Amino acid sequence: MTAGAGWIALAIVVFASWKPWRVLLGAYLFGGIAVLQLNLQAAGVKVPVEVLSMSPYLITILVLVIISSDRSRAALNAPAALGRVFHASS
């Protein structure tokens, strides 16, 4: 975990529905939001720095809420063994 962004990485996997090309799209989306908030701070936008700093996390929560609203689609794309206990055979 780096600078609190570890859970954003997990959110990207959920956002991508376990599809590699969507992981790339999600990484650019969430990374772009982080860069945007830094650029807005540097430009001197009259928004409190705390609001700008939490914007990547708020967008992440918003995206996860939107994606989780359609349960059938989320379950359809999940790996078949997700949530099952693994027992290694000797």
PDB file of N, CA and C in Angstrom:
ATOM      1  N   MET A   1       0.849  -1.167   0.000  1.00  0.00           N
ATOM      2  CA  MET A   1       0.000   0.000   0.000  1.00  0.00           C
ATOM      3  C   MET A   1       0.895   1.229   0.000  1.00  0.00           C
ATOM      4  N   THR A   2       0.621   2.134  -0.878  1.00  0.00           N
ATOM      5  CA  THR A   2       1.416   3.344  -0.990  1.00  0.00           C
ATOM      6  C   THR A   2       0.529   4.558  -0.827  1.00  0.00           C
ATOM      7  N   ALA A   3       0.771   5.328   0.211  1.00  0.00           N
ATOM      8  CA  ALA A   3       0.068   6.592   0.458  1.00  0.00           C
ATOM      9  C   ALA A   3      -1.449   6.423   0.471  1.00  0.00           C
ATOM     10  N   GLY A   4      -1.943   5.335   1.002  1.00  0.00           N
ATOM     11  CA  GLY A   4      -3.382   5.125   1.108  1.00  0.00           C
ATOM     12  C   GLY A   4      -4.073   4.752  -0.185  1.00  0.00           C
ATOM     13  N   ALA A   5      -3.334   4.448  -1.226  1.00  0.00           N
ATOM     14  CA  ALA A   5      -3.942   4.154  -2.521  1.00  0.00           C
ATOM     15  C   ALA A   5      -4.142   2.658  -2.758  1.00  0.00           C
ATOM     16  N   GLY A   6      -3.841   1.826  -1.781  1.00  0.00           N
ATOM     17  CA  GLY A   6      -3.994   0.386  -1.954  1.00  0.00           C
ATOM     18  C   GLY A   6      -5.435  -0.022  -2.191  1.00  0.00           C
ATOM     19  N   TRP A   7      -6.358   0.614  -1.488  1.00  0.00           N
ATOM     20  CA  TRP A   7      -7.756   0.247  -1.691  1.00  0.00           C
ATOM     21  C   TRP A   7      -8.272   0.755  -3.022  1.00  0.00           C
ATOM     22  N   ILE A   8      -7.664   1.798  -3.573  1.00  0.00           N
ATOM     23  CA  ILE A   8      -8.035   2.250  -4.912  1.00  0.00           C
ATOM     24  C   ILE A   8      -7.624   1.187  -5.936  1.00  0.00           C
ATOM     25  N   ALA A   9      -6.495   0.528  -5.713  1.00  0.00           N
ATOM     26  CA  ALA A   9      -6.077  -0.550  -6.606  1.00  0.00           C
ATOM     27  C   ALA A   9      -7.087  -1.697  -6.582  1.00  0.00           C
ATOM     28  N   LEU A  10      -7.598  -2.030  -5.413  1.00  0.00           N
ATOM     29  CA  LEU A  10      -8.636  -3.061  -5.328  1.00  0.00           C
ATOM     30  C   LEU A  10      -9.917  -2.596  -6.010  1.00  0.00           C
ATOM     31  N   ALA A  11     -10.231  -1.322  -5.871  1.00  0.00           N
ATOM     32  CA  ALA A  11     -11.419  -0.776  -6.536  1.00  0.00           C
ATOM     33  C   ALA A  11     -11.276  -0.839  -8.050  1.00  0.00           C
ATOM     34  N   ILE A  12     -10.068  -0.663  -8.546  1.00  0.00           N
ATOM     35  CA  ILE A  12      -9.840  -0.756  -9.991  1.00  0.00           C
ATOM     36  C   ILE A  12     -10.119  -2.177 -10.481  1.00  0.00           C
ATOM     37  N   VAL A  13      -9.741  -3.185  -9.701  1.00  0.00           N
ATOM     38  CA  VAL A  13     -10.011  -4.573 -10.090  1.00  0.00           C
ATOM     39  C   VAL A  13     -11.522  -4.811 -10.150  1.00  0.00           C
ATOM     40  N   VAL A  14     -12.255  -4.300  -9.175  1.00  0.00           N
ATOM     41  CA  VAL A  14     -13.710  -4.461  -9.181  1.00  0.00           C
ATOM     42  C   VAL A  14     -14.316  -3.673 -10.332  1.00  0.00           C
ATOM     43  N   PHE A  15     -13.833  -2.450 -10.540  1.00  0.00           N
ATOM     44  CA  PHE A  15     -14.299  -1.616 -11.654  1.00  0.00           C
ATOM     45  C   PHE A  15     -14.071  -2.329 -12.984  1.00  0.00           C
ATOM     46  N   ALA A  16     -12.959  -2.995 -13.108  1.00  0.00           N
ATOM     47  CA  ALA A  16     -12.597  -3.652 -14.363  1.00  0.00           C
ATOM     48  C   ALA A  16     -13.315  -4.976 -14.572  1.00  0.00           C
ATOM     49  N   SER A  17     -14.035  -5.449 -13.581  1.00  0.00           N
ATOM     50  CA  SER A  17     -14.723  -6.741 -13.663  1.00  0.00           C
ATOM     51  C   SER A  17     -13.778  -7.853 -14.085  1.00  0.00           C
ATOM     52  N   TRP A  18     -12.563  -7.794 -13.582  1.00  0.00           N
ATOM     53  CA  TRP A  18     -11.538  -8.801 -13.818  1.00  0.00           C
ATOM     54  C   TRP A  18     -11.183  -8.937 -15.304  1.00  0.00           C
ATOM     55  N   LYS A  19     -11.239  -7.843 -16.040  1.00  0.00           N
ATOM     56  CA  LYS A  19     -10.832  -7.828 -17.446  1.00  0.00           C
ATOM     57  C   LYS A  19      -9.619  -6.915 -17.580  1.00  0.00           C
ATOM     58  N   PRO A  20      -8.509  -7.443 -18.111  1.00  0.00           N
ATOM     59  CA  PRO A  20      -7.247  -6.692 -18.146  1.00  0.00           C
ATOM     60  C   PRO A  20      -7.331  -5.332 -18.859  1.00  0.00           C
ATOM     61  N   TRP A  21      -8.023  -5.253 -19.976  1.00  0.00           N
ATOM     62  CA  TRP A  21      -8.062  -3.988 -20.704  1.00  0.00           C
ATOM     63  C   TRP A  21      -8.840  -2.939 -19.924  1.00  0.00           C
ATOM     64  N   ARG A  22      -9.805  -3.368 -19.093  1.00  0.00           N
ATOM     65  CA  ARG A  22     -10.547  -2.418 -18.272  1.00  0.00           C
ATOM     66  C   ARG A  22      -9.725  -1.965 -17.063  1.00  0.00           C
ATOM     67  N   VAL A  23      -8.779  -2.803 -16.627  1.00  0.00           N
ATOM     68  CA  VAL A  23      -7.873  -2.386 -15.545  1.00  0.00           C
ATOM     69  C   VAL A  23      -7.048  -1.190 -16.018  1.00  0.00           C
ATOM     70  N   LEU A  24      -6.573  -1.262 -17.246  1.00  0.00           N
ATOM     71  CA  LEU A  24      -5.809  -0.153 -17.810  1.00  0.00           C
ATOM     72  C   LEU A  24      -6.658   1.116 -17.871  1.00  0.00           C
ATOM     73  N   LEU A  25      -7.884   0.988 -18.327  1.00  0.00           N
ATOM     74  CA  LEU A  25      -8.793   2.130 -18.390  1.00  0.00           C
ATOM     75  C   LEU A  25      -9.040   2.701 -16.996  1.00  0.00           C
ATOM     76  N   GLY A  26      -9.282   1.823 -16.027  1.00  0.00           N
ATOM     77  CA  GLY A  26      -9.525   2.266 -14.654  1.00  0.00           C
ATOM     78  C   GLY A  26      -8.317   2.943 -14.034  1.00  0.00           C
ATOM     79  N   ALA A  27      -7.134   2.406 -14.311  1.00  0.00           N
ATOM     80  CA  ALA A  27      -5.914   3.019 -13.779  1.00  0.00           C
ATOM     81  C   ALA A  27      -5.717   4.422 -14.343  1.00  0.00           C
ATOM     82  N   TYR A  28      -5.982   4.592 -15.631  1.00  0.00           N
ATOM     83  CA  TYR A  28      -5.892   5.928 -16.218  1.00  0.00           C
ATOM     84  C   TYR A  28      -6.955   6.862 -15.651  1.00  0.00           C
ATOM     85  N   LEU A  29      -8.159   6.351 -15.426  1.00  0.00           N
ATOM     86  CA  LEU A  29      -9.229   7.167 -14.867  1.00  0.00           C
ATOM     87  C   LEU A  29      -8.879   7.661 -13.465  1.00  0.00           C
ATOM     88  N   PHE A  30      -8.526   6.734 -12.574  1.00  0.00           N
ATOM     89  CA  PHE A  30      -8.233   7.114 -11.200  1.00  0.00           C
ATOM     90  C   PHE A  30      -6.916   7.889 -11.093  1.00  0.00           C
ATOM     91  N   GLY A  31      -5.935   7.540 -11.905  1.00  0.00           N
ATOM     92  CA  GLY A  31      -4.684   8.300 -11.927  1.00  0.00           C
ATOM     93  C   GLY A  31      -4.895   9.706 -12.454  1.00  0.00           C
ATOM     94  N   GLY A  32      -5.740   9.820 -13.473  1.00  0.00           N
ATOM     95  CA  GLY A  32      -6.047  11.144 -14.021  1.00  0.00           C
ATOM     96  C   GLY A  32      -6.734  12.036 -13.022  1.00  0.00           C
ATOM     97  N   ILE A  33      -7.595  11.468 -12.200  1.00  0.00           N
ATOM     98  CA  ILE A  33      -8.259  12.255 -11.162  1.00  0.00           C
ATOM     99  C   ILE A  33      -7.251  12.734 -10.126  1.00  0.00           C
ATOM    100  N   ALA A  34      -6.302  11.872  -9.775  1.00  0.00           N
ATOM    101  CA  ALA A  34      -5.266  12.277  -8.817  1.00  0.00           C
ATOM    102  C   ALA A  34      -4.403  13.398  -9.386  1.00  0.00           C
ATOM    103  N   VAL A  35      -4.038  13.300 -10.655  1.00  0.00           N
ATOM    104  CA  VAL A  35      -3.235  14.350 -11.299  1.00  0.00           C
ATOM    105  C   VAL A  35      -4.040  15.633 -11.421  1.00  0.00           C
ATOM    106  N   LEU A  36      -5.325  15.512 -11.726  1.00  0.00           N
ATOM    107  CA  LEU A  36      -6.182  16.689 -11.849  1.00  0.00           C
ATOM    108  C   LEU A  36      -6.244  17.462 -10.543  1.00  0.00           C
ATOM    109  N   GLN A  37      -6.368  16.755  -9.427  1.00  0.00           N
ATOM    110  CA  GLN A  37      -6.440  17.460  -8.147  1.00  0.00           C
ATOM    111  C   GLN A  37      -5.123  18.156  -7.829  1.00  0.00           C
ATOM    112  N   LEU A  38      -3.996  17.569  -8.218  1.00  0.00           N
ATOM    113  CA  LEU A  38      -2.708  18.237  -8.011  1.00  0.00           C
ATOM    114  C   LEU A  38      -2.574  19.477  -8.895  1.00  0.00           C
ATOM    115  N   ASN A  39      -3.044  19.372 -10.145  1.00  0.00           N
ATOM    116  CA  ASN A  39      -2.995  20.522 -11.048  1.00  0.00           C
ATOM    117  C   ASN A  39      -3.916  21.648 -10.584  1.00  0.00           C
ATOM    118  N   LEU A  40      -5.071  21.292 -10.040  1.00  0.00           N
ATOM    119  CA  LEU A  40      -5.969  22.320  -9.514  1.00  0.00           C
ATOM    120  C   LEU A  40      -5.361  23.021  -8.314  1.00  0.00           C
ATOM    121  N   GLN A  41      -4.657  22.277  -7.465  1.00  0.00           N
ATOM    122  CA  GLN A  41      -3.967  22.900  -6.332  1.00  0.00           C
ATOM    123  C   GLN A  41      -2.896  23.858  -6.819  1.00  0.00           C
ATOM    124  N   ALA A  42      -2.117  23.437  -7.824  1.00  0.00           N
ATOM    125  CA  ALA A  42      -1.037  24.271  -8.353  1.00  0.00           C
ATOM    126  C   ALA A  42      -1.585  25.511  -9.053  1.00  0.00           C
ATOM    127  N   ALA A  43      -2.768  25.398  -9.644  1.00  0.00           N
ATOM    128  CA  ALA A  43      -3.366  26.538 -10.338  1.00  0.00           C
ATOM    129  C   ALA A  43      -3.974  27.542  -9.371  1.00  0.00           C
ATOM    130  N   GLY A  44      -4.066  27.187  -8.105  1.00  0.00           N
ATOM    131  CA  GLY A  44      -4.593  28.112  -7.104  1.00  0.00           C
ATOM    132  C   GLY A  44      -6.105  28.216  -7.108  1.00  0.00           C
ATOM    133  N   VAL A  45      -6.789  27.145  -7.455  1.00  0.00           N
ATOM    134  CA  VAL A  45      -8.253  27.137  -7.451  1.00  0.00           C
ATOM    135  C   VAL A  45      -8.739  27.391  -6.025  1.00  0.00           C
ATOM    136  N   LYS A  46      -9.784  28.178  -5.899  1.00  0.00           N
ATOM    137  CA  LYS A  46     -10.300  28.571  -4.584  1.00  0.00           C
ATOM    138  C   LYS A  46     -11.181  27.492  -3.962  1.00  0.00           C
ATOM    139  N   VAL A  47     -10.658  26.280  -3.904  1.00  0.00           N
ATOM    140  CA  VAL A  47     -11.317  25.158  -3.246  1.00  0.00           C
ATOM    141  C   VAL A  47     -10.362  24.694  -2.151  1.00  0.00           C
ATOM    142  N   PRO A  48     -10.888  24.412  -0.952  1.00  0.00           N
ATOM    143  CA  PRO A  48      -9.987  23.968   0.116  1.00  0.00           C
ATOM    144  C   PRO A  48      -9.156  22.752  -0.307  1.00  0.00           C
ATOM    145  N   VAL A  49      -7.901  22.752   0.074  1.00  0.00           N
ATOM    146  CA  VAL A  49      -6.976  21.694  -0.322  1.00  0.00           C
ATOM    147  C   VAL A  49      -7.448  20.327   0.178  1.00  0.00           C
ATOM    148  N   GLU A  50      -8.160  20.297   1.291  1.00  0.00           N
ATOM    149  CA  GLU A  50      -8.665  19.038   1.821  1.00  0.00           C
ATOM    150  C   GLU A  50      -9.697  18.416   0.882  1.00  0.00           C
ATOM    151  N   VAL A  51     -10.531  19.255   0.289  1.00  0.00           N
ATOM    152  CA  VAL A  51     -11.540  18.759  -0.652  1.00  0.00           C
ATOM    153  C   VAL A  51     -10.856  18.205  -1.901  1.00  0.00           C
ATOM    154  N   LEU A  52      -9.858  18.917  -2.393  1.00  0.00           N
ATOM    155  CA  LEU A  52      -9.132  18.435  -3.567  1.00  0.00           C
ATOM    156  C   LEU A  52      -8.387  17.144  -3.266  1.00  0.00           C
ATOM    157  N   SER A  53      -7.822  17.029  -2.071  1.00  0.00           N
ATOM    158  CA  SER A  53      -7.061  15.828  -1.706  1.00  0.00           C
ATOM    159  C   SER A  53      -7.948  14.601  -1.581  1.00  0.00           C
ATOM    160  N   MET A  54      -9.188  14.790  -1.173  1.00  0.00           N
ATOM    161  CA  MET A  54     -10.064  13.628  -1.024  1.00  0.00           C
ATOM    162  C   MET A  54     -10.830  13.301  -2.296  1.00  0.00           C
ATOM    163  N   SER A  55     -10.687  14.092  -3.342  1.00  0.00           N
ATOM    164  CA  SER A  55     -11.453  13.858  -4.570  1.00  0.00           C
ATOM    165  C   SER A  55     -11.182  12.496  -5.217  1.00  0.00           C
ATOM    166  N   PRO A  56      -9.941  11.984  -5.287  1.00  0.00           N
ATOM    167  CA  PRO A  56      -9.770  10.642  -5.876  1.00  0.00           C
ATOM    168  C   PRO A  56     -10.523   9.561  -5.100  1.00  0.00           C
ATOM    169  N   TYR A  57     -10.573   9.705  -3.785  1.00  0.00           N
ATOM    170  CA  TYR A  57     -11.256   8.717  -2.958  1.00  0.00           C
ATOM    171  C   TYR A  57     -12.770   8.829  -3.109  1.00  0.00           C
ATOM    172  N   LEU A  58     -13.280  10.051  -3.204  1.00  0.00           N
ATOM    173  CA  LEU A  58     -14.716  10.239  -3.409  1.00  0.00           C
ATOM    174  C   LEU A  58     -15.167   9.690  -4.761  1.00  0.00           C
ATOM    175  N   ILE A  59     -14.375   9.941  -5.795  1.00  0.00           N
ATOM    176  CA  ILE A  59     -14.699   9.411  -7.122  1.00  0.00           C
ATOM    177  C   ILE A  59     -14.667   7.883  -7.105  1.00  0.00           C
ATOM    178  N   THR A  60     -13.703   7.309  -6.379  1.00  0.00           N
ATOM    179  CA  THR A  60     -13.611   5.850  -6.266  1.00  0.00           C
ATOM    180  C   THR A  60     -14.866   5.287  -5.617  1.00  0.00           C
ATOM    181  N   ILE A  61     -15.305   5.900  -4.532  1.00  0.00           N
ATOM    182  CA  ILE A  61     -16.521   5.441  -3.852  1.00  0.00           C
ATOM    183  C   ILE A  61     -17.723   5.573  -4.773  1.00  0.00           C
ATOM    184  N   LEU A  62     -17.818   6.678  -5.478  1.00  0.00           N
ATOM    185  CA  LEU A  62     -18.931   6.898  -6.407  1.00  0.00           C
ATOM    186  C   LEU A  62     -18.964   5.835  -7.504  1.00  0.00           C
ATOM    187  N   VAL A  63     -17.812   5.535  -8.085  1.00  0.00           N
ATOM    188  CA  VAL A  63     -17.744   4.518  -9.137  1.00  0.00           C
ATOM    189  C   VAL A  63     -18.138   3.154  -8.588  1.00  0.00           C
ATOM    190  N   LEU A  64     -17.671   2.803  -7.392  1.00  0.00           N
ATOM    191  CA  LEU A  64     -18.021   1.506  -6.810  1.00  0.00           C
ATOM    192  C   LEU A  64     -19.510   1.403  -6.496  1.00  0.00           C
ATOM    193  N   VAL A  65     -20.116   2.489  -6.052  1.00  0.00           N
ATOM    194  CA  VAL A  65     -21.560   2.484  -5.787  1.00  0.00           C
ATOM    195  C   VAL A  65     -22.331   2.275  -7.082  1.00  0.00           C
ATOM    196  N   ILE A  66     -21.925   2.957  -8.142  1.00  0.00           N
ATOM    197  CA  ILE A  66     -22.608   2.815  -9.429  1.00  0.00           C
ATOM    198  C   ILE A  66     -22.470   1.392  -9.964  1.00  0.00           C
ATOM    199  N   ILE A  67     -21.265   0.836  -9.870  1.00  0.00           N
ATOM    200  CA  ILE A  67     -21.037  -0.517 -10.381  1.00  0.00           C
ATOM    201  C   ILE A  67     -21.783  -1.556  -9.547  1.00  0.00           C
ATOM    202  N   SER A  68     -21.818  -1.379  -8.239  1.00  0.00           N
ATOM    203  CA  SER A  68     -22.467  -2.375  -7.387  1.00  0.00           C
ATOM    204  C   SER A  68     -23.984  -2.292  -7.439  1.00  0.00           C
ATOM    205  N   SER A  69     -24.541  -1.261  -8.061  1.00  0.00           N
ATOM    206  CA  SER A  69     -25.996  -1.156  -8.153  1.00  0.00           C
ATOM    207  C   SER A  69     -26.588  -2.232  -9.056  1.00  0.00           C
ATOM    208  N   ASP A  70     -25.808  -2.763  -9.984  1.00  0.00           N
ATOM    209  CA  ASP A  70     -26.264  -3.834 -10.870  1.00  0.00           C
ATOM    210  C   ASP A  70     -25.632  -5.141 -10.424  1.00  0.00           C
ATOM    211  N   ARG A  71     -26.266  -5.815  -9.482  1.00  0.00           N
ATOM    212  CA  ARG A  71     -25.722  -7.039  -8.891  1.00  0.00           C
ATOM    213  C   ARG A  71     -25.559  -8.166  -9.911  1.00  0.00           C
ATOM    214  N   SER A  72     -26.473  -8.292 -10.838  1.00  0.00           N
ATOM    215  CA  SER A  72     -26.398  -9.402 -11.782  1.00  0.00           C
ATOM    216  C   SER A  72     -25.170  -9.286 -12.676  1.00  0.00           C
ATOM    217  N   ARG A  73     -24.824  -8.067 -13.090  1.00  0.00           N
ATOM    218  CA  ARG A  73     -23.657  -7.875 -13.936  1.00  0.00           C
ATOM    219  C   ARG A  73     -22.373  -8.122 -13.162  1.00  0.00           C
ATOM    220  N   ALA A  74     -22.327  -7.675 -11.914  1.00  0.00           N
ATOM    221  CA  ALA A  74     -21.130  -7.874 -11.093  1.00  0.00           C
ATOM    222  C   ALA A  74     -20.896  -9.352 -10.828  1.00  0.00           C
ATOM    223  N   ALA A  75     -21.952 -10.093 -10.552  1.00  0.00           N
ATOM    224  CA  ALA A  75     -21.818 -11.530 -10.288  1.00  0.00           C
ATOM    225  C   ALA A  75     -21.482 -12.296 -11.559  1.00  0.00           C
ATOM    226  N   LEU A  76     -21.962 -11.833 -12.689  1.00  0.00           N
ATOM    227  CA  LEU A  76     -21.718 -12.508 -13.952  1.00  0.00           C
ATOM    228  C   LEU A  76     -20.237 -12.480 -14.332  1.00  0.00           C
ATOM    229  N   ASN A  77     -19.556 -11.399 -14.032  1.00  0.00           N
ATOM    230  CA  ASN A  77     -18.165 -11.243 -14.428  1.00  0.00           C
ATOM    231  C   ASN A  77     -17.165 -11.744 -13.387  1.00  0.00           C
ATOM    232  N   ALA A  78     -17.616 -12.082 -12.210  1.00  0.00           N
ATOM    233  CA  ALA A  78     -16.706 -12.504 -11.144  1.00  0.00           C
ATOM    234  C   ALA A  78     -16.154 -13.900 -11.430  1.00  0.00           C
ATOM    235  N   PRO A  79     -14.938 -14.187 -10.962  1.00  0.00           N
ATOM    236  CA  PRO A  79     -14.381 -15.536 -11.113  1.00  0.00           C
ATOM    237  C   PRO A  79     -15.266 -16.568 -10.409  1.00  0.00           C
ATOM    238  N   ALA A  80     -15.374 -17.762 -10.974  1.00  0.00           N
ATOM    239  CA  ALA A  80     -16.266 -18.795 -10.446  1.00  0.00           C
ATOM    240  C   ALA A  80     -15.884 -19.222  -9.028  1.00  0.00           C
ATOM    241  N   ALA A  81     -14.597 -19.220  -8.701  1.00  0.00           N
ATOM    242  CA  ALA A  81     -14.151 -19.693  -7.390  1.00  0.00           C
ATOM    243  C   ALA A  81     -14.033 -18.571  -6.360  1.00  0.00           C
ATOM    244  N   LEU A  82     -14.500 -17.388  -6.685  1.00  0.00           N
ATOM    245  CA  LEU A  82     -14.401 -16.263  -5.759  1.00  0.00           C
ATOM    246  C   LEU A  82     -15.232 -16.541  -4.510  1.00  0.00           C
ATOM    247  N   GLY A  83     -14.610 -16.469  -3.355  1.00  0.00           N
ATOM    248  CA  GLY A  83     -15.297 -16.688  -2.099  1.00  0.00           C
ATOM    249  C   GLY A  83     -15.320 -18.124  -1.623  1.00  0.00           C
ATOM    250  N   ARG A  84     -14.813 -19.039  -2.395  1.00  0.00           N
ATOM    251  CA  ARG A  84     -14.752 -20.434  -1.981  1.00  0.00           C
ATOM    252  C   ARG A  84     -13.464 -20.708  -1.229  1.00  0.00           C
ATOM    253  N   VAL A  85     -13.559 -21.576  -0.242  1.00  0.00           N
ATOM    254  CA  VAL A  85     -12.387 -21.946   0.543  1.00  0.00           C
ATOM    255  C   VAL A  85     -11.496 -22.862  -0.283  1.00  0.00           C
ATOM    256  N   PHE A  86     -10.194 -22.593  -0.261  1.00  0.00           N
ATOM    257  CA  PHE A  86      -9.236 -23.406  -1.003  1.00  0.00           C
ATOM    258  C   PHE A  86      -8.590 -24.405  -0.063  1.00  0.00           C
ATOM    259  N   HIS A  87      -8.649 -25.686  -0.439  1.00  0.00           N
ATOM    260  CA  HIS A  87      -7.969 -26.740   0.326  1.00  0.00           C
ATOM    261  C   HIS A  87      -6.952 -27.375  -0.618  1.00  0.00           C
ATOM    262  N   ALA A  88      -5.689 -27.224  -0.302  1.00  0.00           N
ATOM    263  CA  ALA A  88      -4.633 -27.815  -1.131  1.00  0.00           C
ATOM    264  C   ALA A  88      -4.602 -29.320  -0.892  1.00  0.00           C
ATOM    265  N   SER A  89      -4.584 -30.088  -1.949  1.00  0.00           N
ATOM    266  CA  SER A  89      -4.516 -31.545  -1.810  1.00  0.00           C
ATOM    267  C   SER A  89      -3.042 -31.943  -1.683  1.00  0.00           C
ATOM    268  N   SER A  90      -2.783 -32.886  -0.815  1.00  0.00           N
ATOM    269  CA  SER A  90      -1.413 -33.301  -0.546  1.00  0.00           C
ATOM    270  C   SER A  90      -0.941 -34.331  -1.527  1.00  0.00           C
TER     271      SER A  90
END
